[in-house]
PDB file of N, CA and C in Angstrom:
ATOM      1  N   MET A   1       0.996  -1.152  -0.009  1.00  0.00           N
ATOM      2  CA  MET A   1       0.007  -0.196  -0.057  1.00  0.00           C
ATOM      3  C   MET A   1       0.963   1.373   0.066  1.00  0.00           C
ATOM      4  N   GLY A   2       0.648   2.374  -0.522  1.00  0.00           N
ATOM      5  CA  GLY A   2       1.235   3.500  -0.740  1.00  0.00           C
ATOM      6  C   GLY A   2       0.976   4.365   0.248  1.00  0.00           C
ATOM      7  N   TYR A   3       1.302   5.691   0.143  1.00  0.00           N
ATOM      8  CA  TYR A   3       1.039   6.797   0.980  1.00  0.00           C
ATOM      9  C   TYR A   3       0.324   7.949   0.425  1.00  0.00           C
ATOM     10  N   LEU A   4      -0.577   8.413   0.997  1.00  0.00           N
ATOM     11  CA  LEU A   4      -1.268   9.715   0.521  1.00  0.00           C
ATOM     12  C   LEU A   4      -0.825  10.932   1.261  1.00  0.00           C
ATOM     13  N   LYS A   5      -0.544  12.008   0.546  1.00  0.00           N
ATOM     14  CA  LYS A   5       0.123  13.383   1.354  1.00  0.00           C
ATOM     15  C   LYS A   5      -0.375  14.421   0.628  1.00  0.00           C
ATOM     16  N   CYS A   6      -0.893  15.563   1.250  1.00  0.00           N
ATOM     17  CA  CYS A   6      -1.392  16.703   0.856  1.00  0.00           C
ATOM     18  C   CYS A   6      -0.065  17.397   0.125  1.00  0.00           C
ATOM     19  N   ASN A   7      -0.240  17.802  -1.038  1.00  0.00           N
ATOM     20  CA  ASN A   7       0.855  18.543  -1.690  1.00  0.00           C
ATOM     21  C   ASN A   7       0.896  20.017  -1.180  1.00  0.00           C
ATOM     22  N   LYS A   8      -0.193  20.522  -0.562  1.00  0.00           N
ATOM     23  CA  LYS A   8      -0.282  22.022   0.040  1.00  0.00           C
ATOM     24  C   LYS A   8       0.138  22.081   1.559  1.00  0.00           C
ATOM     25  N   CYS A   9      -0.355  21.309   2.456  1.00  0.00           N
ATOM     26  CA  CYS A   9      -0.206  21.321   3.919  1.00  0.00           C
ATOM     27  C   CYS A   9       1.086  20.232   4.463  1.00  0.00           C
ATOM     28  N   GLY A  10       1.198  19.306   3.400  1.00  0.00           N
ATOM     29  CA  GLY A  10       2.025  18.161   3.864  1.00  0.00           C
ATOM     30  C   GLY A  10       1.204  16.902   4.781  1.00  0.00           C
ATOM     31  N   LYS A  11       0.048  17.124   5.208  1.00  0.00           N
ATOM     32  CA  LYS A  11      -0.555  16.273   6.029  1.00  0.00           C
ATOM     33  C   LYS A  11      -0.757  14.705   5.294  1.00  0.00           C
ATOM     34  N   ARG A  12      -0.498  13.840   5.996  1.00  0.00           N
ATOM     35  CA  ARG A  12      -0.491  12.502   5.329  1.00  0.00           C
ATOM     36  C   ARG A  12      -2.062  11.623   5.871  1.00  0.00           C
ATOM     37  N   TYR A  13      -2.321  10.934   4.727  1.00  0.00           N
ATOM     38  CA  TYR A  13      -3.477  10.188   4.885  1.00  0.00           C
ATOM     39  C   TYR A  13      -3.328   8.810   4.767  1.00  0.00           C
ATOM     40  N   GLN A  14      -4.067   7.834   5.562  1.00  0.00           N
ATOM     41  CA  GLN A  14      -3.831   6.407   5.432  1.00  0.00           C
ATOM     42  C   GLN A  14      -5.587   5.998   4.944  1.00  0.00           C
ATOM     43  N   PRO A  15      -5.588   5.476   3.646  1.00  0.00           N
ATOM     44  CA  PRO A  15      -6.874   5.067   3.237  1.00  0.00           C
ATOM     45  C   PRO A  15      -7.358   3.889   3.963  1.00  0.00           C
ATOM     46  N   GLN A  16      -8.671   3.698   4.463  1.00  0.00           N
ATOM     47  CA  GLN A  16      -9.016   2.695   5.239  1.00  0.00           C
ATOM     48  C   GLN A  16      -9.616   1.487   4.116  1.00  0.00           C
ATOM     49  N   LYS A  17      -9.551   0.249   4.769  1.00  0.00           N
ATOM     50  CA  LYS A  17      -9.731  -0.792   3.858  1.00  0.00           C
ATOM     51  C   LYS A  17     -11.114  -0.556   3.267  1.00  0.00           C
ATOM     52  N   GLY A  18     -11.036  -0.879   1.771  1.00  0.00           N
ATOM     53  CA  GLY A  18     -12.322  -0.562   1.034  1.00  0.00           C
ATOM     54  C   GLY A  18     -12.618   0.525   0.560  1.00  0.00           C
ATOM     55  N   GLU A  19     -11.807   1.825   1.117  1.00  0.00           N
ATOM     56  CA  GLU A  19     -11.927   3.270   0.469  1.00  0.00           C
ATOM     57  C   GLU A  19     -11.274   3.239  -0.666  1.00  0.00           C
ATOM     58  N   SER A  20     -12.064   4.021  -1.606  1.00  0.00           N
ATOM     59  CA  SER A  20     -11.208   4.218  -2.813  1.00  0.00           C
ATOM     60  C   SER A  20     -10.418   5.665  -2.807  1.00  0.00           C
ATOM     61  N   LEU A  21      -9.316   5.510  -3.618  1.00  0.00           N
ATOM     62  CA  LEU A  21      -8.280   6.683  -3.570  1.00  0.00           C
ATOM     63  C   LEU A  21      -9.026   8.050  -4.358  1.00  0.00           C
ATOM     64  N   ASP A  22     -10.063   7.662  -5.089  1.00  0.00           N
ATOM     65  CA  ASP A  22     -10.753   8.616  -5.526  1.00  0.00           C
ATOM     66  C   ASP A  22     -11.538   9.424  -4.463  1.00  0.00           C
ATOM     67  N   ASP A  23     -11.848   8.964  -3.349  1.00  0.00           N
ATOM     68  CA  ASP A  23     -12.554   9.449  -2.199  1.00  0.00           C
ATOM     69  C   ASP A  23     -11.587  10.490  -1.535  1.00  0.00           C
ATOM     70  N   LEU A  24     -10.395  10.427  -1.502  1.00  0.00           N
ATOM     71  CA  LEU A  24      -9.410  11.061  -1.019  1.00  0.00           C
ATOM     72  C   LEU A  24      -8.598  11.784  -1.774  1.00  0.00           C
ATOM     73  N   ASN A  25      -9.088  12.754  -2.604  1.00  0.00           N
ATOM     74  CA  ASN A  25      -8.303  13.686  -3.541  1.00  0.00           C
ATOM     75  C   ASN A  25      -8.229  15.179  -3.226  1.00  0.00           C
ATOM     76  N   VAL A  26      -8.990  15.638  -2.080  1.00  0.00           N
ATOM     77  CA  VAL A  26      -8.822  16.868  -1.755  1.00  0.00           C
ATOM     78  C   VAL A  26      -8.539  17.147  -0.279  1.00  0.00           C
ATOM     79  N   CYS A  27      -7.630  17.566   0.318  1.00  0.00           N
ATOM     80  CA  CYS A  27      -7.371  17.872   1.696  1.00  0.00           C
ATOM     81  C   CYS A  27      -8.348  18.787   2.548  1.00  0.00           C
ATOM     82  N   HIS A  28      -8.228  18.965   3.736  1.00  0.00           N
ATOM     83  CA  HIS A  28      -9.264  19.905   4.465  1.00  0.00           C
ATOM     84  C   HIS A  28      -8.710  21.208   4.051  1.00  0.00           C
ATOM     85  N   CYS A  29      -7.524  21.481   3.634  1.00  0.00           N
ATOM     86  CA  CYS A  29      -6.786  22.620   3.536  1.00  0.00           C
ATOM     87  C   CYS A  29      -7.132  23.132   2.037  1.00  0.00           C
ATOM     88  N   GLY A  30      -7.872  22.342   1.214  1.00  0.00           N
ATOM     89  CA  GLY A  30      -8.139  22.648  -0.048  1.00  0.00           C
ATOM     90  C   GLY A  30      -7.036  22.337  -1.174  1.00  0.00           C
ATOM     91  N   GLY A  31      -5.839  21.748  -0.575  1.00  0.00           N
ATOM     92  CA  GLY A  31      -5.003  21.384  -1.403  1.00  0.00           C
ATOM     93  C   GLY A  31      -5.193  19.903  -2.177  1.00  0.00           C
ATOM     94  N   GLU A  32      -4.500  19.335  -3.175  1.00  0.00           N
ATOM     95  CA  GLU A  32      -4.847  18.033  -3.743  1.00  0.00           C
ATOM     96  C   GLU A  32      -3.745  17.134  -3.061  1.00  0.00           C
ATOM     97  N   ILE A  33      -4.400  16.009  -2.960  1.00  0.00           N
ATOM     98  CA  ILE A  33      -3.800  14.684  -2.315  1.00  0.00           C
ATOM     99  C   ILE A  33      -3.149  13.957  -3.240  1.00  0.00           C
ATOM    100  N   GLY A  34      -1.657  13.785  -3.028  1.00  0.00           N
ATOM    101  CA  GLY A  34      -0.945  13.175  -4.004  1.00  0.00           C
ATOM    102  C   GLY A  34      -0.712  11.452  -3.709  1.00  0.00           C
ATOM    103  N   TYR A  35      -0.637  10.536  -4.322  1.00  0.00           N
ATOM    104  CA  TYR A  35      -0.403   9.078  -4.163  1.00  0.00           C
ATOM    105  C   TYR A  35       1.099   8.906  -4.365  1.00  0.00           C
ATOM    106  N   TYR A  36       1.686   7.961  -3.565  1.00  0.00           N
ATOM    107  CA  TYR A  36       3.205   7.833  -3.420  1.00  0.00           C
ATOM    108  C   TYR A  36       3.266   6.373  -3.152  1.00  0.00           C
ATOM    109  N   LEU A  37       4.143   5.640  -3.880  1.00  0.00           N
ATOM    110  CA  LEU A  37       4.357   4.089  -3.518  1.00  0.00           C
ATOM    111  C   LEU A  37       5.221   3.909  -2.373  1.00  0.00           C
ATOM    112  N   SER A  38       6.155   4.740  -2.065  1.00  0.00           N
ATOM    113  CA  SER A  38       6.969   4.689  -0.896  1.00  0.00           C
ATOM    114  C   SER A  38       7.085   5.853  -0.309  1.00  0.00           C
ATOM    115  N   SER A  39       7.684   5.694   0.868  1.00  0.00           N
ATOM    116  CA  SER A  39       8.189   6.930   1.637  1.00  0.00           C
ATOM    117  C   SER A  39       9.187   7.710   1.043  1.00  0.00           C
ATOM    118  N   TYR A  40      10.078   7.209   0.057  1.00  0.00           N
ATOM    119  CA  TYR A  40      11.142   7.559  -0.860  1.00  0.00           C
ATOM    120  C   TYR A  40      10.399   8.469  -1.802  1.00  0.00           C
ATOM    121  N   ASP A  41       9.239   8.254  -2.428  1.00  0.00           N
ATOM    122  CA  ASP A  41       8.667   8.693  -3.487  1.00  0.00           C
ATOM    123  C   ASP A  41       8.056   9.841  -2.954  1.00  0.00           C
ATOM    124  N   LEU A  42       7.682  10.160  -1.679  1.00  0.00           N
ATOM    125  CA  LEU A  42       7.088  11.355  -1.172  1.00  0.00           C
ATOM    126  C   LEU A  42       7.858  12.577  -1.569  1.00  0.00           C
ATOM    127  N   LYS A  43       9.203  12.582  -1.453  1.00  0.00           N
ATOM    128  CA  LYS A  43      10.050  13.568  -1.887  1.00  0.00           C
ATOM    129  C   LYS A  43      10.504  13.535  -3.365  1.00  0.00           C
ATOM    130  N   ARG A  44      10.597  12.400  -4.007  1.00  0.00           N
ATOM    131  CA  ARG A  44      11.107  12.462  -5.222  1.00  0.00           C
ATOM    132  C   ARG A  44      10.071  12.561  -6.437  1.00  0.00           C
ATOM    133  N   ARG A  45       8.701  12.162  -6.435  1.00  0.00           N
ATOM    134  CA  ARG A  45       7.798  12.278  -7.531  1.00  0.00           C
ATOM    135  C   ARG A  45       6.361  12.675  -6.865  1.00  0.00           C
ATOM    136  N   PRO A  46       6.287  14.366  -6.816  1.00  0.00           N
ATOM    137  CA  PRO A  46       5.124  14.796  -6.334  1.00  0.00           C
ATOM    138  C   PRO A  46       3.763  14.567  -6.913  1.00  0.00           C
ATOM    139  N   ASP A  47       3.919  14.345  -8.399  1.00  0.00           N
ATOM    140  CA  ASP A  47       2.732  14.335  -9.179  1.00  0.00           C
ATOM    141  C   ASP A  47       2.476  12.716  -9.593  1.00  0.00           C
ATOM    142  N   TYR A  48       3.056  11.928  -9.015  1.00  0.00           N
ATOM    143  CA  TYR A  48       2.930  10.564  -9.739  1.00  0.00           C
ATOM    144  C   TYR A  48       1.565   9.785  -9.097  1.00  0.00           C
ATOM    145  N   ILE A  49       0.749   9.430  -9.901  1.00  0.00           N
ATOM    146  CA  ILE A  49      -0.411   8.547  -9.610  1.00  0.00           C
ATOM    147  C   ILE A  49      -0.388   7.308 -10.363  1.00  0.00           C
ATOM    148  N   PRO A  50      -0.194   6.062  -9.791  1.00  0.00           N
ATOM    149  CA  PRO A  50       0.130   4.983 -10.679  1.00  0.00           C
ATOM    150  C   PRO A  50      -1.643   4.410 -10.924  1.00  0.00           C
ATOM    151  N   ALA A  51      -1.676   3.633 -12.129  1.00  0.00           N
ATOM    152  CA  ALA A  51      -2.939   2.778 -12.263  1.00  0.00           C
ATOM    153  C   ALA A  51      -2.732   1.899 -11.523  1.00  0.00           C
ATOM    154  N   ASP A  52      -3.708   0.998 -10.983  1.00  0.00           N
ATOM    155  CA  ASP A  52      -4.024  -0.013 -10.307  1.00  0.00           C
ATOM    156  C   ASP A  52      -3.307  -1.210 -10.878  1.00  0.00           C
ATOM    157  N   GLU A  53      -3.350  -1.284 -12.317  1.00  0.00           N
ATOM    158  CA  GLU A  53      -2.845  -2.523 -12.869  1.00  0.00           C
ATOM    159  C   GLU A  53      -1.345  -2.425 -13.007  1.00  0.00           C
ATOM    160  N   GLY A  54      -0.644  -1.138 -12.777  1.00  0.00           N
ATOM    161  CA  GLY A  54       0.771  -1.292 -12.363  1.00  0.00           C
ATOM    162  C   GLY A  54       0.990  -1.715 -11.243  1.00  0.00           C
ATOM    163  N   ILE A  55       0.213  -1.499 -10.151  1.00  0.00           N
ATOM    164  CA  ILE A  55       0.697  -1.888  -8.800  1.00  0.00           C
ATOM    165  C   ILE A  55       0.330  -3.380  -8.620  1.00  0.00           C
ATOM    166  N   LYS A  56      -0.404  -3.914  -9.032  1.00  0.00           N
ATOM    167  CA  LYS A  56      -0.802  -5.417  -9.107  1.00  0.00           C
ATOM    168  C   LYS A  56       0.271  -6.004 -10.037  1.00  0.00           C
ATOM    169  N   GLU A  57       0.733  -5.516 -11.045  1.00  0.00           N
ATOM    170  CA  GLU A  57       1.588  -6.122 -11.976  1.00  0.00           C
ATOM    171  C   GLU A  57       3.171  -6.372 -11.102  1.00  0.00           C
ATOM    172  N   GLU A  58       3.471  -4.919 -10.463  1.00  0.00           N
ATOM    173  CA  GLU A  58       4.661  -4.827  -9.789  1.00  0.00           C
ATOM    174  C   GLU A  58       4.465  -6.039  -8.715  1.00  0.00           C
ATOM    175  N   LYS A  59       3.621  -6.214  -7.881  1.00  0.00           N
ATOM    176  CA  LYS A  59       3.431  -7.178  -6.831  1.00  0.00           C
ATOM    177  C   LYS A  59       3.735  -8.539  -7.464  1.00  0.00           C
ATOM    178  N   ALA A  60       2.967  -8.805  -8.558  1.00  0.00           N
ATOM    179  CA  ALA A  60       3.024 -10.044  -8.961  1.00  0.00           C
ATOM    180  C   ALA A  60       4.414 -10.612  -9.374  1.00  0.00           C
ATOM    181  N   SER A  61       5.228  -9.343 -10.165  1.00  0.00           N
ATOM    182  CA  SER A  61       6.609  -9.452 -10.590  1.00  0.00           C
ATOM    183  C   SER A  61       7.543  -9.882  -9.414  1.00  0.00           C
ATOM    184  N   ASP A  62       7.344  -9.256  -8.198  1.00  0.00           N
ATOM    185  CA  ASP A  62       7.909  -9.547  -6.957  1.00  0.00           C
ATOM    186  C   ASP A  62       7.936 -11.113  -6.592  1.00  0.00           C
ATOM    187  N   ARG A  63       6.695 -11.641  -6.552  1.00  0.00           N
ATOM    188  CA  ARG A  63       6.135 -12.814  -6.132  1.00  0.00           C
ATOM    189  C   ARG A  63       6.836 -13.720  -7.043  1.00  0.00           C
ATOM    190  N   THR A  64       6.837 -13.470  -8.481  1.00  0.00           N
ATOM    191  CA  THR A  64       7.511 -14.487  -9.440  1.00  0.00           C
ATOM    192  C   THR A  64       9.033 -14.699  -9.073  1.00  0.00           C
ATOM    193  N   TRP A  65       9.541 -13.433  -8.951  1.00  0.00           N
ATOM    194  CA  TRP A  65      11.174 -13.737  -8.579  1.00  0.00           C
ATOM    195  C   TRP A  65      11.317 -14.386  -7.164  1.00  0.00           C
ATOM    196  N   LEU A  66      10.683 -14.215  -6.240  1.00  0.00           N
ATOM    197  CA  LEU A  66      10.943 -14.928  -5.209  1.00  0.00           C
ATOM    198  C   LEU A  66      10.487 -16.560  -5.426  1.00  0.00           C
ATOM    199  N   LEU A  67       9.666 -16.792  -6.026  1.00  0.00           N
ATOM    200  CA  LEU A  67       9.323 -18.156  -6.415  1.00  0.00           C
ATOM    201  C   LEU A  67      10.394 -18.782  -7.111  1.00  0.00           C
ATOM    202  N   ILE A  68      10.946 -18.039  -8.131  1.00  0.00           N
ATOM    203  CA  ILE A  68      12.027 -18.457  -8.862  1.00  0.00           C
ATOM    204  C   ILE A  68      13.335 -18.799  -8.131  1.00  0.00           C
ATOM    205  N   LEU A  69      13.616 -17.711  -7.008  1.00  0.00           N
ATOM    206  CA  LEU A  69      14.926 -17.826  -6.244  1.00  0.00           C
ATOM    207  C   LEU A  69      14.580 -19.016  -5.254  1.00  0.00           C
ATOM    208  N   SER A  70      13.599 -19.219  -4.654  1.00  0.00           N
ATOM    209  CA  SER A  70      13.091 -20.367  -3.636  1.00  0.00           C
ATOM    210  C   SER A  70      13.309 -21.636  -4.551  1.00  0.00           C
ATOM    211  N   ILE A  71      12.931 -21.855  -5.776  1.00  0.00           N
ATOM    212  CA  ILE A  71      13.179 -23.020  -6.448  1.00  0.00           C
ATOM    213  C   ILE A  71      14.621 -23.486  -6.609  1.00  0.00           C
ATOM    214  N   VAL A  72      15.249 -22.359  -7.078  1.00  0.00           N
ATOM    215  CA  VAL A  72      16.803 -22.412  -7.365  1.00  0.00           C
ATOM    216  C   VAL A  72      17.472 -22.885  -5.998  1.00  0.00           C
ATOM    217  N   ALA A  73      17.081 -22.513  -4.932  1.00  0.00           N
ATOM    218  CA  ALA A  73      17.811 -22.730  -3.829  1.00  0.00           C
ATOM    219  C   ALA A  73      17.479 -23.940  -3.287  1.00  0.00           C
ATOM    220  N   VAL A  74      16.469 -24.583  -3.568  1.00  0.00           N
ATOM    221  CA  VAL A  74      15.976 -25.872  -3.068  1.00  0.00           C
ATOM    222  C   VAL A  74      16.664 -26.854  -3.801  1.00  0.00           C
ATOM    223  N   LEU A  75      16.525 -26.525  -5.222  1.00  0.00           N
ATOM    224  CA  LEU A  75      17.599 -27.447  -6.015  1.00  0.00           C
ATOM    225  C   LEU A  75      19.137 -27.625  -5.781  1.00  0.00           C
ATOM    226  N   ILE A  76      19.759 -26.471  -5.442  1.00  0.00           N
ATOM    227  CA  ILE A  76      20.881 -26.545  -4.918  1.00  0.00           C
ATOM    228  C   ILE A  76      21.012 -27.237  -3.679  1.00  0.00           C
ATOM    229  N   LEU A  77      20.276 -27.067  -2.759  1.00  0.00           N
ATOM    230  CA  LEU A  77      20.183 -27.804  -1.256  1.00  0.00           C
ATOM    231  C   LEU A  77      20.161 -29.335  -1.713  1.00  0.00           C
ATOM    232  N   MET A  78      19.382 -29.702  -2.637  1.00  0.00           N
ATOM    233  CA  MET A  78      19.154 -31.201  -2.958  1.00  0.00           C
ATOM    234  C   MET A  78      20.291 -31.509  -3.542  1.00  0.00           C
ATOM    235  N   ALA A  79      20.934 -31.010  -4.471  1.00  0.00           N
ATOM    236  CA  ALA A  79      21.821 -31.593  -5.350  1.00  0.00           C
ATOM    237  C   ALA A  79      23.307 -31.575  -4.826  1.00  0.00           C
ATOM    238  N   LEU A  80      23.325 -30.608  -3.505  1.00  0.00           N
ATOM    239  CA  LEU A  80      24.952 -30.806  -2.955  1.00  0.00           C
ATOM    240  C   LEU A  80      25.152 -31.920  -2.242  1.00  0.00           C
ATOM    241  N   PRO A  81      24.180 -32.469  -1.419  1.00  0.00           N
ATOM    242  CA  PRO A  81      24.197 -33.911  -0.863  1.00  0.00           C
ATOM    243  C   PRO A  81      24.437 -35.133  -1.874  1.00  0.00           C
ATOM    244  N   ALA A  82      23.938 -34.993  -3.068  1.00  0.00           N
ATOM    245  CA  ALA A  82      23.936 -35.979  -4.064  1.00  0.00           C
ATOM    246  C   ALA A  82      25.307 -35.953  -4.442  1.00  0.00           C
ATOM    247  N   LEU A  83      25.941 -34.874  -4.834  1.00  0.00           N
ATOM    248  CA  LEU A  83      27.264 -34.752  -5.363  1.00  0.00           C
ATOM    249  C   LEU A  83      28.372 -35.057  -4.255  1.00  0.00           C
ATOM    250  N   LEU A  84      27.909 -34.939  -3.146  1.00  0.00           N
ATOM    251  CA  LEU A  84      29.105 -35.324  -1.942  1.00  0.00           C
ATOM    252  C   LEU A  84      28.947 -36.814  -1.968  1.00  0.00           C
ATOM    253  N   ILE A  85      27.707 -37.214  -2.014  1.00  0.00           N
ATOM    254  CA  ILE A  85      27.518 -38.967  -1.999  1.00  0.00           C
ATOM    255  C   ILE A  85      28.515 -39.445  -2.881  1.00  0.00           C
ATOM    256  N   TYR A  86      28.057 -39.082  -4.454  1.00  0.00           N
ATOM    257  CA  TYR A  86      28.523 -39.373  -5.648  1.00  0.00           C
ATOM    258  C   TYR A  86      30.198 -39.551  -5.601  1.00  0.00           C
ATOM    259  N   ARG A  87      30.870 -38.128  -5.103  1.00  0.00           N
ATOM    260  CA  ARG A  87      32.283 -38.088  -4.910  1.00  0.00           C
ATOM    261  C   ARG A  87      32.776 -39.083  -3.886  1.00  0.00           C
ATOM    262  N   ALA A  88      32.118 -39.480  -2.973  1.00  0.00           N
ATOM    263  CA  ALA A  88      32.654 -40.253  -1.888  1.00  0.00           C
ATOM    264  C   ALA A  88      32.511 -41.674  -2.398  1.00  0.00           C
ATOM    265  N   TYR A  89      31.696 -41.978  -3.050  1.00  0.00           N
ATOM    266  CA  TYR A  89      31.493 -43.502  -3.554  1.00  0.00           C
ATOM    267  C   TYR A  89      32.347 -43.761  -4.816  1.00  0.00           C
ATOM    268  N   PHE A  90      32.825 -42.796  -5.453  1.00  0.00           N
ATOM    269  CA  PHE A  90      33.554 -43.109  -6.725  1.00  0.00           C
ATOM    270  C   PHE A  90      35.021 -42.529  -6.564  1.00  0.00           C
ATOM    271  N   SER A  91      35.259 -41.903  -5.314  1.00  0.00           N
ATOM    272  CA  SER A  91      36.840 -41.556  -5.099  1.00  0.00           C
ATOM    273  C   SER A  91      37.628 -42.567  -4.491  1.00  0.00           C
ATOM    274  N   GLY A  92      37.177 -43.603  -3.931  1.00  0.00           N
ATOM    275  CA  GLY A  92      37.921 -44.463  -3.337  1.00  0.00           C
ATOM    276  C   GLY A  92      37.843 -45.986  -3.721  1.00  0.00           C
TER     277      GLY A  92
END
């Protein structure tokens, strides 16, 4: 989940579960509320409002890389003992 911050007064908002980002577009001071993906983006990109599809794709991409890395780690952990047994059996 990202961050919501007023571009005029700097007040931060946290959307409640089920609340649309469209409902939170104007601050009590009259300033526009901007959407930021991370706390770093609060300073770096003041006018960036991502599409929902982009956020979902980014999360799916992170999960895909995590799955691939997990599979590679399991394969390495399974292959190492087999190689040690093979070496011990055929070395002597």
